[in-house]
Amino acid sequence: LHATRCDAASDVGCMAQGERCATHHLWAALGDEIEH
């Protein structure tokens, strides 16, 4: 039920340089709400 593009278990983000996208925290929070 991941709302982010990147793997939640990884420290590597979904961007080309391995960074997290600007909206990562938004989608991660949405995923947390769904799980809750």
PDB file of all heavy atoms in Angstrom:
ATOM      1  N   LEU A   1       0.833  -1.199   0.000  1.00  0.00           N
ATOM      2  CA  LEU A   1       0.000   0.000   0.000  1.00  0.00           C
ATOM      3  C   LEU A   1       0.867   1.248   0.000  1.00  0.00           C
ATOM      4  O   LEU A   1       0.562   2.226   0.646  1.00  0.00           O
ATOM      5  CB  LEU A   1      -0.915   0.011   1.229  1.00  0.00           C
ATOM      6  CG  LEU A   1      -2.032  -1.001   1.205  1.00  0.00           C
ATOM      7  CD1 LEU A   1      -2.756  -1.017   2.528  1.00  0.00           C
ATOM      8  CD2 LEU A   1      -2.993  -0.692   0.079  1.00  0.00           C
ATOM      9  N   HIS A   2       1.973   1.180  -0.701  1.00  0.00           N
ATOM     10  CA  HIS A   2       2.889   2.317  -0.734  1.00  0.00           C
ATOM     11  C   HIS A   2       2.333   3.410  -1.631  1.00  0.00           C
ATOM     12  O   HIS A   2       1.944   3.161  -2.753  1.00  0.00           O
ATOM     13  CB  HIS A   2       4.267   1.898  -1.252  1.00  0.00           C
ATOM     14  CG  HIS A   2       4.876   0.799  -0.453  1.00  0.00           C
ATOM     15  ND1 HIS A   2       5.258   0.946   0.854  1.00  0.00           N
ATOM     16  CD2 HIS A   2       5.153  -0.478  -0.782  1.00  0.00           C
ATOM     17  CE1 HIS A   2       5.745  -0.187   1.296  1.00  0.00           C
ATOM     18  NE2 HIS A   2       5.685  -1.071   0.332  1.00  0.00           N
ATOM     19  N   ALA A   3       2.311   4.607  -1.094  1.00  0.00           N
ATOM     20  CA  ALA A   3       1.841   5.744  -1.880  1.00  0.00           C
ATOM     21  C   ALA A   3       3.000   6.470  -2.547  1.00  0.00           C
ATOM     22  O   ALA A   3       2.791   7.321  -3.398  1.00  0.00           O
ATOM     23  CB  ALA A   3       1.055   6.700  -0.983  1.00  0.00           C
ATOM     24  N   THR A   4       4.230   6.132  -2.149  1.00  0.00           N
ATOM     25  CA  THR A   4       5.400   6.781  -2.730  1.00  0.00           C
ATOM     26  C   THR A   4       5.905   5.971  -3.917  1.00  0.00           C
ATOM     27  O   THR A   4       5.617   4.787  -4.040  1.00  0.00           O
ATOM     28  CB  THR A   4       6.537   6.901  -1.691  1.00  0.00           C
ATOM     29  OG1 THR A   4       6.901   5.598  -1.251  1.00  0.00           O
ATOM     30  CG2 THR A   4       6.108   7.754  -0.515  1.00  0.00           C
ATOM     31  N   ARG A   5       6.688   6.621  -4.764  1.00  0.00           N
ATOM     32  CA  ARG A   5       7.290   5.913  -5.898  1.00  0.00           C
ATOM     33  C   ARG A   5       8.475   5.073  -5.455  1.00  0.00           C
ATOM     34  O   ARG A   5       8.791   4.066  -6.064  1.00  0.00           O
ATOM     35  CB  ARG A   5       7.794   6.903  -6.955  1.00  0.00           C
ATOM     36  CG  ARG A   5       6.721   7.566  -7.737  1.00  0.00           C
ATOM     37  CD  ARG A   5       7.288   8.306  -8.926  1.00  0.00           C
ATOM     38  NE  ARG A   5       8.371   9.228  -8.581  1.00  0.00           N
ATOM     39  CZ  ARG A   5       8.964  10.031  -9.452  1.00  0.00           C
ATOM     40  NH1 ARG A   5       8.587  10.027 -10.700  1.00  0.00           N
ATOM     41  NH2 ARG A   5       9.923  10.833  -9.075  1.00  0.00           N
ATOM     42  N   CYS A   6       9.159   5.511  -4.393  1.00  0.00           N
ATOM     43  CA  CYS A   6      10.386   4.822  -3.997  1.00  0.00           C
ATOM     44  C   CYS A   6      10.088   3.730  -2.964  1.00  0.00           C
ATOM     45  O   CYS A   6       9.031   3.709  -2.351  1.00  0.00           O
ATOM     46  CB  CYS A   6      11.411   5.815  -3.455  1.00  0.00           C
ATOM     47  SG  CYS A   6      10.799   6.895  -2.165  1.00  0.00           S
ATOM     48  N   ASP A   7      11.037   2.861  -2.792  1.00  0.00           N
ATOM     49  CA  ASP A   7      10.939   1.772  -1.844  1.00  0.00           C
ATOM     50  C   ASP A   7      11.041   2.335  -0.433  1.00  0.00           C
ATOM     51  O   ASP A   7      12.043   2.949  -0.065  1.00  0.00           O
ATOM     52  CB  ASP A   7      12.055   0.759  -2.119  1.00  0.00           C
ATOM     53  CG  ASP A   7      12.013  -0.430  -1.188  1.00  0.00           C
ATOM     54  OD1 ASP A   7      11.085  -0.532  -0.364  1.00  0.00           O
ATOM     55  OD2 ASP A   7      12.923  -1.281  -1.295  1.00  0.00           O
ATOM     56  N   ALA A   8      10.011   2.101   0.382  1.00  0.00           N
ATOM     57  CA  ALA A   8       9.986   2.647   1.739  1.00  0.00           C
ATOM     58  C   ALA A   8      11.102   2.080   2.610  1.00  0.00           C
ATOM     59  O   ALA A   8      11.559   2.742   3.538  1.00  0.00           O
ATOM     60  CB  ALA A   8       8.635   2.375   2.380  1.00  0.00           C
ATOM     61  N   ALA A   9      11.569   0.883   2.315  1.00  0.00           N
ATOM     62  CA  ALA A   9      12.606   0.249   3.132  1.00  0.00           C
ATOM     63  C   ALA A   9      14.012   0.722   2.753  1.00  0.00           C
ATOM     64  O   ALA A   9      14.973   0.413   3.443  1.00  0.00           O
ATOM     65  CB  ALA A   9      12.505  -1.262   2.993  1.00  0.00           C
ATOM     66  N   SER A  10      14.129   1.455   1.682  1.00  0.00           N
ATOM     67  CA  SER A  10      15.434   1.899   1.198  1.00  0.00           C
ATOM     68  C   SER A  10      15.697   3.361   1.552  1.00  0.00           C
ATOM     69  O   SER A  10      14.769   4.161   1.663  1.00  0.00           O
ATOM     70  CB  SER A  10      15.489   1.728  -0.329  1.00  0.00           C
ATOM     71  OG  SER A  10      16.671   2.276  -0.841  1.00  0.00           O
ATOM     72  N   ASP A  11      16.962   3.687   1.710  1.00  0.00           N
ATOM     73  CA  ASP A  11      17.343   5.085   1.932  1.00  0.00           C
ATOM     74  C   ASP A  11      17.456   5.844   0.615  1.00  0.00           C
ATOM     75  O   ASP A  11      17.597   7.059   0.605  1.00  0.00           O
ATOM     76  CB  ASP A  11      18.687   5.162   2.668  1.00  0.00           C
ATOM     77  CG  ASP A  11      18.576   4.694   4.109  1.00  0.00           C
ATOM     78  OD1 ASP A  11      17.474   4.802   4.679  1.00  0.00           O
ATOM     79  OD2 ASP A  11      19.595   4.228   4.653  1.00  0.00           O
ATOM     80  N   VAL A  12      17.398   5.128  -0.491  1.00  0.00           N
ATOM     81  CA  VAL A  12      17.527   5.736  -1.811  1.00  0.00           C
ATOM     82  C   VAL A  12      16.158   6.202  -2.268  1.00  0.00           C
ATOM     83  O   VAL A  12      15.179   5.465  -2.204  1.00  0.00           O
ATOM     84  CB  VAL A  12      18.120   4.724  -2.824  1.00  0.00           C
ATOM     85  CG1 VAL A  12      18.200   5.336  -4.204  1.00  0.00           C
ATOM     86  CG2 VAL A  12      19.469   4.241  -2.344  1.00  0.00           C
ATOM     87  N   GLY A  13      16.089   7.431  -2.723  1.00  0.00           N
ATOM     88  CA  GLY A  13      14.839   7.997  -3.198  1.00  0.00           C
ATOM     89  C   GLY A  13      14.547   7.640  -4.640  1.00  0.00           C
ATOM     90  O   GLY A  13      15.310   6.935  -5.302  1.00  0.00           O
ATOM     91  N   CYS A  14      13.476   8.182  -5.153  1.00  0.00           N
ATOM     92  CA  CYS A  14      13.010   7.854  -6.494  1.00  0.00           C
ATOM     93  C   CYS A  14      13.586   8.758  -7.583  1.00  0.00           C
ATOM     94  O   CYS A  14      13.375   8.525  -8.762  1.00  0.00           O
ATOM     95  CB  CYS A  14      11.486   7.903  -6.526  1.00  0.00           C
ATOM     96  SG  CYS A  14      10.797   9.518  -6.090  1.00  0.00           S
ATOM     97  N   MET A  15      14.304   9.781  -7.204  1.00  0.00           N
ATOM     98  CA  MET A  15      14.865  10.710  -8.187  1.00  0.00           C
ATOM     99  C   MET A  15      16.140  10.126  -8.796  1.00  0.00           C
ATOM    100  O   MET A  15      16.770   9.231  -8.219  1.00  0.00           O
ATOM    101  CB  MET A  15      15.154  12.064  -7.528  1.00  0.00           C
ATOM    102  CG  MET A  15      13.935  12.697  -6.854  1.00  0.00           C
ATOM    103  SD  MET A  15      12.590  13.062  -7.982  1.00  0.00           S
ATOM    104  CE  MET A  15      13.279  14.463  -8.824  1.00  0.00           C
ATOM    105  N   ALA A  16      16.539  10.651  -9.947  1.00  0.00           N
ATOM    106  CA  ALA A  16      17.688  10.132 -10.696  1.00  0.00           C
ATOM    107  C   ALA A  16      18.969  10.100  -9.857  1.00  0.00           C
ATOM    108  O   ALA A  16      19.771   9.178  -9.978  1.00  0.00           O
ATOM    109  CB  ALA A  16      17.910  10.946 -11.963  1.00  0.00           C
ATOM    110  N   GLN A  17      19.169  11.076  -8.993  1.00  0.00           N
ATOM    111  CA  GLN A  17      20.370  11.131  -8.163  1.00  0.00           C
ATOM    112  C   GLN A  17      20.195  10.380  -6.837  1.00  0.00           C
ATOM    113  O   GLN A  17      21.041  10.464  -5.963  1.00  0.00           O
ATOM    114  CB  GLN A  17      20.745  12.591  -7.874  1.00  0.00           C
ATOM    115  CG  GLN A  17      21.041  13.415  -9.110  1.00  0.00           C
ATOM    116  CD  GLN A  17      22.271  12.892  -9.859  1.00  0.00           C
ATOM    117  OE1 GLN A  17      23.244  12.466  -9.252  1.00  0.00           O
ATOM    118  NE2 GLN A  17      22.192  12.915 -11.181  1.00  0.00           N
ATOM    119  N   GLY A  18      19.083   9.662  -6.687  1.00  0.00           N
ATOM    120  CA  GLY A  18      18.841   8.903  -5.473  1.00  0.00           C
ATOM    121  C   GLY A  18      18.216   9.707  -4.354  1.00  0.00           C
ATOM    122  O   GLY A  18      18.078   9.214  -3.231  1.00  0.00           O
ATOM    123  N   GLU A  19      17.820  10.942  -4.644  1.00  0.00           N
ATOM    124  CA  GLU A  19      17.188  11.782  -3.635  1.00  0.00           C
ATOM    125  C   GLU A  19      15.687  11.505  -3.589  1.00  0.00           C
ATOM    126  O   GLU A  19      15.119  10.967  -4.533  1.00  0.00           O
ATOM    127  CB  GLU A  19      17.422  13.259  -3.953  1.00  0.00           C
ATOM    128  CG  GLU A  19      18.881  13.667  -3.892  1.00  0.00           C
ATOM    129  CD  GLU A  19      19.089  15.112  -4.330  1.00  0.00           C
ATOM    130  OE1 GLU A  19      18.096  15.797  -4.648  1.00  0.00           O
ATOM    131  OE2 GLU A  19      20.239  15.539  -4.354  1.00  0.00           O
ATOM    132  N   ARG A  20      15.083  11.911  -2.522  1.00  0.00           N
ATOM    133  CA  ARG A  20      13.627  11.795  -2.389  1.00  0.00           C
ATOM    134  C   ARG A  20      12.989  12.969  -3.141  1.00  0.00           C
ATOM    135  O   ARG A  20      13.514  14.075  -3.146  1.00  0.00           O
ATOM    136  CB  ARG A  20      13.217  11.851  -0.925  1.00  0.00           C
ATOM    137  CG  ARG A  20      13.870  10.753  -0.091  1.00  0.00           C
ATOM    138  CD  ARG A  20      12.804   9.876   0.485  1.00  0.00           C
ATOM    139  NE  ARG A  20      13.381   8.919   1.425  1.00  0.00           N
ATOM    140  CZ  ARG A  20      13.332   7.614   1.239  1.00  0.00           C
ATOM    141  NH1 ARG A  20      12.753   7.124   0.175  1.00  0.00           N
ATOM    142  NH2 ARG A  20      13.841   6.795   2.122  1.00  0.00           N
ATOM    143  N   CYS A  21      11.844  12.728  -3.760  1.00  0.00           N
ATOM    144  CA  CYS A  21      11.152  13.792  -4.483  1.00  0.00           C
ATOM    145  C   CYS A  21      10.571  14.799  -3.493  1.00  0.00           C
ATOM    146  O   CYS A  21      10.454  14.527  -2.297  1.00  0.00           O
ATOM    147  CB  CYS A  21      10.053  13.209  -5.373  1.00  0.00           C
ATOM    148  SG  CYS A  21       8.714  12.404  -4.470  1.00  0.00           S
ATOM    149  N   ALA A  22      10.166  15.942  -3.992  1.00  0.00           N
ATOM    150  CA  ALA A  22       9.676  17.033  -3.150  1.00  0.00           C
ATOM    151  C   ALA A  22       8.402  16.655  -2.398  1.00  0.00           C
ATOM    152  O   ALA A  22       8.122  17.208  -1.337  1.00  0.00           O
ATOM    153  CB  ALA A  22       9.424  18.276  -4.000  1.00  0.00           C
ATOM    154  N   THR A  23       7.644  15.713  -2.915  1.00  0.00           N
ATOM    155  CA  THR A  23       6.373  15.343  -2.281  1.00  0.00           C
ATOM    156  C   THR A  23       6.452  14.013  -1.531  1.00  0.00           C
ATOM    157  O   THR A  23       5.433  13.488  -1.092  1.00  0.00           O
ATOM    158  CB  THR A  23       5.257  15.267  -3.341  1.00  0.00           C
ATOM    159  OG1 THR A  23       5.640  14.326  -4.345  1.00  0.00           O
ATOM    160  CG2 THR A  23       4.991  16.634  -3.956  1.00  0.00           C
ATOM    161  N   HIS A  24       7.656  13.483  -1.355  1.00  0.00           N
ATOM    162  CA  HIS A  24       7.811  12.180  -0.708  1.00  0.00           C
ATOM    163  C   HIS A  24       7.121  12.124   0.652  1.00  0.00           C
ATOM    164  O   HIS A  24       6.392  11.180   0.953  1.00  0.00           O
ATOM    165  CB  HIS A  24       9.296  11.829  -0.545  1.00  0.00           C
ATOM    166  CG  HIS A  24       9.507  10.573   0.235  1.00  0.00           C
ATOM    167  ND1 HIS A  24       9.434   9.338  -0.345  1.00  0.00           N
ATOM    168  CD2 HIS A  24       9.739  10.372   1.556  1.00  0.00           C
ATOM    169  CE1 HIS A  24       9.620   8.412   0.582  1.00  0.00           C
ATOM    170  NE2 HIS A  24       9.811   9.019   1.748  1.00  0.00           N
ATOM    171  N   HIS A  25       7.338  13.122   1.480  1.00  0.00           N
ATOM    172  CA  HIS A  25       6.779  13.110   2.831  1.00  0.00           C
ATOM    173  C   HIS A  25       5.249  13.172   2.805  1.00  0.00           C
ATOM    174  O   HIS A  25       4.591  12.587   3.668  1.00  0.00           O
ATOM    175  CB  HIS A  25       7.376  14.228   3.680  1.00  0.00           C
ATOM    176  CG  HIS A  25       8.852  14.058   3.863  1.00  0.00           C
ATOM    177  ND1 HIS A  25       9.398  13.000   4.563  1.00  0.00           N
ATOM    178  CD2 HIS A  25       9.902  14.773   3.412  1.00  0.00           C
ATOM    179  CE1 HIS A  25      10.713  13.085   4.544  1.00  0.00           C
ATOM    180  NE2 HIS A  25      11.043  14.162   3.846  1.00  0.00           N
ATOM    181  N   LEU A  26       4.687  13.858   1.825  1.00  0.00           N
ATOM    182  CA  LEU A  26       3.233  13.901   1.669  1.00  0.00           C
ATOM    183  C   LEU A  26       2.692  12.501   1.425  1.00  0.00           C
ATOM    184  O   LEU A  26       1.773  12.031   2.093  1.00  0.00           O
ATOM    185  CB  LEU A  26       2.850  14.831   0.516  1.00  0.00           C
ATOM    186  CG  LEU A  26       1.378  14.755   0.067  1.00  0.00           C
ATOM    187  CD1 LEU A  26       0.467  15.329   1.145  1.00  0.00           C
ATOM    188  CD2 LEU A  26       1.214  15.480  -1.255  1.00  0.00           C
ATOM    189  N   TRP A  27       3.281  11.805   0.435  1.00  0.00           N
ATOM    190  CA  TRP A  27       2.790  10.470   0.076  1.00  0.00           C
ATOM    191  C   TRP A  27       3.093   9.441   1.160  1.00  0.00           C
ATOM    192  O   TRP A  27       2.299   8.530   1.403  1.00  0.00           O
ATOM    193  CB  TRP A  27       3.364  10.038  -1.273  1.00  0.00           C
ATOM    194  CG  TRP A  27       3.059  11.030  -2.356  1.00  0.00           C
ATOM    195  CD1 TRP A  27       3.948  11.635  -3.186  1.00  0.00           C
ATOM    196  CD2 TRP A  27       1.780  11.576  -2.702  1.00  0.00           C
ATOM    197  NE1 TRP A  27       3.305  12.509  -4.021  1.00  0.00           N
ATOM    198  CE2 TRP A  27       1.974  12.490  -3.750  1.00  0.00           C
ATOM    199  CE3 TRP A  27       0.490  11.386  -2.226  1.00  0.00           C
ATOM    200  CZ2 TRP A  27       0.933  13.203  -4.326  1.00  0.00           C
ATOM    201  CZ3 TRP A  27      -0.558  12.108  -2.799  1.00  0.00           C
ATOM    202  CH2 TRP A  27      -0.319  12.993  -3.842  1.00  0.00           C
ATOM    203  N   ALA A  28       4.208   9.592   1.851  1.00  0.00           N
ATOM    204  CA  ALA A  28       4.521   8.692   2.962  1.00  0.00           C
ATOM    205  C   ALA A  28       3.494   8.872   4.087  1.00  0.00           C
ATOM    206  O   ALA A  28       3.040   7.889   4.688  1.00  0.00           O
ATOM    207  CB  ALA A  28       5.933   8.951   3.471  1.00  0.00           C
ATOM    208  N   ALA A  29       3.105  10.114   4.362  1.00  0.00           N
ATOM    209  CA  ALA A  29       2.095  10.372   5.390  1.00  0.00           C
ATOM    210  C   ALA A  29       0.745   9.788   4.979  1.00  0.00           C
ATOM    211  O   ALA A  29       0.017   9.238   5.817  1.00  0.00           O
ATOM    212  CB  ALA A  29       1.975  11.877   5.655  1.00  0.00           C
ATOM    213  N   LEU A  30       0.407   9.893   3.696  1.00  0.00           N
ATOM    214  CA  LEU A  30      -0.839   9.301   3.207  1.00  0.00           C
ATOM    215  C   LEU A  30      -0.808   7.787   3.415  1.00  0.00           C
ATOM    216  O   LEU A  30      -1.787   7.196   3.878  1.00  0.00           O
ATOM    217  CB  LEU A  30      -1.059   9.622   1.728  1.00  0.00           C
ATOM    218  CG  LEU A  30      -2.263   8.926   1.074  1.00  0.00           C
ATOM    219  CD1 LEU A  30      -3.570   9.343   1.752  1.00  0.00           C
ATOM    220  CD2 LEU A  30      -2.292   9.230  -0.410  1.00  0.00           C
ATOM    221  N   GLY A  31       0.292   7.155   3.084  1.00  0.00           N
ATOM    222  CA  GLY A  31       0.432   5.711   3.300  1.00  0.00           C
ATOM    223  C   GLY A  31       0.265   5.339   4.762  1.00  0.00           C
ATOM    224  O   GLY A  31      -0.386   4.339   5.094  1.00  0.00           O
ATOM    225  N   ASP A  32       0.821   6.166   5.658  1.00  0.00           N
ATOM    226  CA  ASP A  32       0.665   5.928   7.095  1.00  0.00           C
ATOM    227  C   ASP A  32      -0.805   6.028   7.514  1.00  0.00           C
ATOM    228  O   ASP A  32      -1.285   5.233   8.321  1.00  0.00           O
ATOM    229  CB  ASP A  32       1.496   6.919   7.902  1.00  0.00           C
ATOM    230  CG  ASP A  32       2.994   6.685   7.766  1.00  0.00           C
ATOM    231  OD1 ASP A  32       3.412   5.606   7.290  1.00  0.00           O
ATOM    232  OD2 ASP A  32       3.760   7.613   8.135  1.00  0.00           O
ATOM    233  N   GLU A  33      -1.513   7.014   6.966  1.00  0.00           N
ATOM    234  CA  GLU A  33      -2.938   7.174   7.276  1.00  0.00           C
ATOM    235  C   GLU A  33      -3.743   5.965   6.803  1.00  0.00           C
ATOM    236  O   GLU A  33      -4.635   5.494   7.505  1.00  0.00           O
ATOM    237  CB  GLU A  33      -3.499   8.447   6.635  1.00  0.00           C
ATOM    238  CG  GLU A  33      -3.071   9.720   7.314  1.00  0.00           C
ATOM    239  CD  GLU A  33      -3.733   9.915   8.667  1.00  0.00           C
ATOM    240  OE1 GLU A  33      -4.913   9.563   8.832  1.00  0.00           O
ATOM    241  OE2 GLU A  33      -3.054  10.420   9.571  1.00  0.00           O
ATOM    242  N   ILE A  34      -3.422   5.473   5.616  1.00  0.00           N
ATOM    243  CA  ILE A  34      -4.132   4.308   5.088  1.00  0.00           C
ATOM    244  C   ILE A  34      -3.881   3.098   5.976  1.00  0.00           C
ATOM    245  O   ILE A  34      -4.822   2.377   6.349  1.00  0.00           O
ATOM    246  CB  ILE A  34      -3.712   4.026   3.630  1.00  0.00           C
ATOM    247  CG1 ILE A  34      -4.203   5.142   2.714  1.00  0.00           C
ATOM    248  CG2 ILE A  34      -4.238   2.670   3.164  1.00  0.00           C
ATOM    249  CD1 ILE A  34      -3.624   5.094   1.314  1.00  0.00           C
ATOM    250  N   GLU A  35      -2.621   2.864   6.337  1.00  0.00           N
ATOM    251  CA  GLU A  35      -2.302   1.739   7.215  1.00  0.00           C
ATOM    252  C   GLU A  35      -3.014   1.868   8.551  1.00  0.00           C
ATOM    253  O   GLU A  35      -3.553   0.892   9.067  1.00  0.00           O
ATOM    254  CB  GLU A  35      -0.794   1.646   7.431  1.00  0.00           C
ATOM    255  CG  GLU A  35      -0.055   1.039   6.267  1.00  0.00           C
ATOM    256  CD  GLU A  35       1.415   0.827   6.576  1.00  0.00           C
ATOM    257  OE1 GLU A  35       1.749   0.563   7.760  1.00  0.00           O
ATOM    258  OE2 GLU A  35       2.224   0.918   5.647  1.00  0.00           O
ATOM    259  N   HIS A  36      -3.015   3.057   9.128  1.00  0.00           N
ATOM    260  CA  HIS A  36      -3.691   3.287  10.408  1.00  0.00           C
ATOM    261  C   HIS A  36      -5.190   3.018  10.275  1.00  0.00           C
ATOM    262  O   HIS A  36      -5.794   2.350  11.123  1.00  0.00           O
ATOM    263  CB  HIS A  36      -3.431   4.710  10.895  1.00  0.00           C
ATOM    264  CG  HIS A  36      -4.134   5.038  12.163  1.00  0.00           C
ATOM    265  ND1 HIS A  36      -3.730   4.550  13.383  1.00  0.00           N
ATOM    266  CD2 HIS A  36      -5.232   5.783  12.408  1.00  0.00           C
ATOM    267  CE1 HIS A  36      -4.554   4.979  14.326  1.00  0.00           C
ATOM    268  NE2 HIS A  36      -5.467   5.741  13.758  1.00  0.00           N
TER     269      HIS A  36
END
